[in-house]
Amino acid sequence: MERWDLLVQLSARAPANAICELIDSFLATIARQTASIAQAIEARNHAALRAAAHALRGSSLNVGASP
C-alpha cells in the first residue's frame, strides 16, 4: 500500500482536518528545508547540502510525495 493511501485511510478515523494539518505541516517543513538547501549551495557546503536534501526526501516520503 502506498503511503498516501495509508494516510487517507488513517484520516477516515482522525479529525476532519487531519490531512489538511499534515499537509500544512509538510509545506512549512519543506520551506525550511529548501531554505537550508539554498544556504548550503550558497556556502558551497556539500555536507550540509546532502543533509538538507536527505531531510527533504524523507519528509516527502512520509507524506507520499515522491516520484
Protein backbone atom coordinates (compact mmCIF):
# COMPACT_ATOMS: atom_id res chain seq x y z
CA MET A 1 0.00 0.00 0.00
CA GLU A 2 1.31 3.45 -0.89
CA ARG A 3 1.89 5.90 1.96
CA TRP A 4 -0.63 8.40 0.65
CA ASP A 5 -3.29 5.68 0.53
CA LEU A 6 -2.43 4.72 4.09
CA LEU A 7 -2.70 8.35 5.21
CA VAL A 8 -6.09 8.67 3.56
CA GLN A 9 -7.29 5.53 5.33
CA LEU A 10 -6.00 6.76 8.66
CA SER A 11 -7.63 10.14 8.13
CA ALA A 12 -11.01 8.43 7.93
CA ARG A 13 -10.60 7.70 11.64
CA ALA A 14 -8.98 11.04 12.50
CA PRO A 15 -10.48 14.51 12.88
CA ALA A 16 -11.80 16.00 9.64
CA ASN A 17 -8.94 18.44 9.24
CA ALA A 18 -6.13 15.97 9.98
CA ILE A 19 -4.95 15.68 6.36
CA CYS A 20 -5.03 19.48 5.96
CA GLU A 21 -2.94 19.88 9.11
CA LEU A 22 -0.50 17.25 7.86
CA ILE A 23 -0.13 19.00 4.52
CA ASP A 24 0.27 22.41 6.19
CA SER A 25 2.98 20.98 8.42
CA PHE A 26 4.69 19.38 5.42
CA LEU A 27 4.64 22.66 3.49
CA ALA A 28 6.16 24.54 6.43
CA THR A 29 8.82 21.88 6.78
CA ILE A 30 9.78 21.89 3.12
CA ALA A 31 10.00 25.69 3.15
CA ARG A 32 12.65 25.43 5.88
CA GLN A 33 14.39 22.54 4.15
CA THR A 34 14.57 24.28 0.78
CA ALA A 35 15.98 27.36 2.52
CA SER A 36 18.62 25.13 4.08
CA ILE A 37 19.42 23.70 0.66
CA ALA A 38 19.80 27.20 -0.80
CA GLN A 39 22.08 28.25 2.06
CA ALA A 40 24.22 25.14 1.66
CA ILE A 41 24.56 25.76 -2.07
CA GLU A 42 25.50 29.40 -1.49
CA ALA A 43 28.08 28.38 1.11
CA ARG A 44 29.32 25.53 -1.10
CA ASN A 45 28.84 23.26 1.90
CA HIS A 46 28.45 19.79 0.41
CA ALA A 47 27.81 18.04 3.72
CA ALA A 48 25.05 20.49 4.67
CA LEU A 49 23.55 20.20 1.19
CA ARG A 50 23.50 16.44 1.39
CA ALA A 51 21.90 16.51 4.86
CA ALA A 52 19.25 19.05 3.83
CA ALA A 53 18.42 17.14 0.64
CA HIS A 54 18.16 13.90 2.60
CA ALA A 55 15.81 15.55 5.11
CA LEU A 56 13.64 16.91 2.29
CA ARG A 57 13.44 13.49 0.68
CA GLY A 58 12.49 11.90 3.99
CA SER A 59 9.77 14.46 4.64
CA SER A 60 8.42 13.92 1.13
CA LEU A 61 8.37 10.16 1.52
CA ASN A 62 6.47 10.47 4.79
CA VAL A 63 3.51 12.06 3.02
CA GLY A 64 3.77 10.03 -0.17
CA ALA A 65 5.11 12.98 -2.20
CA SER A 66 7.78 11.11 -4.08
CA PRO A 67 8.31 10.06 -7.69
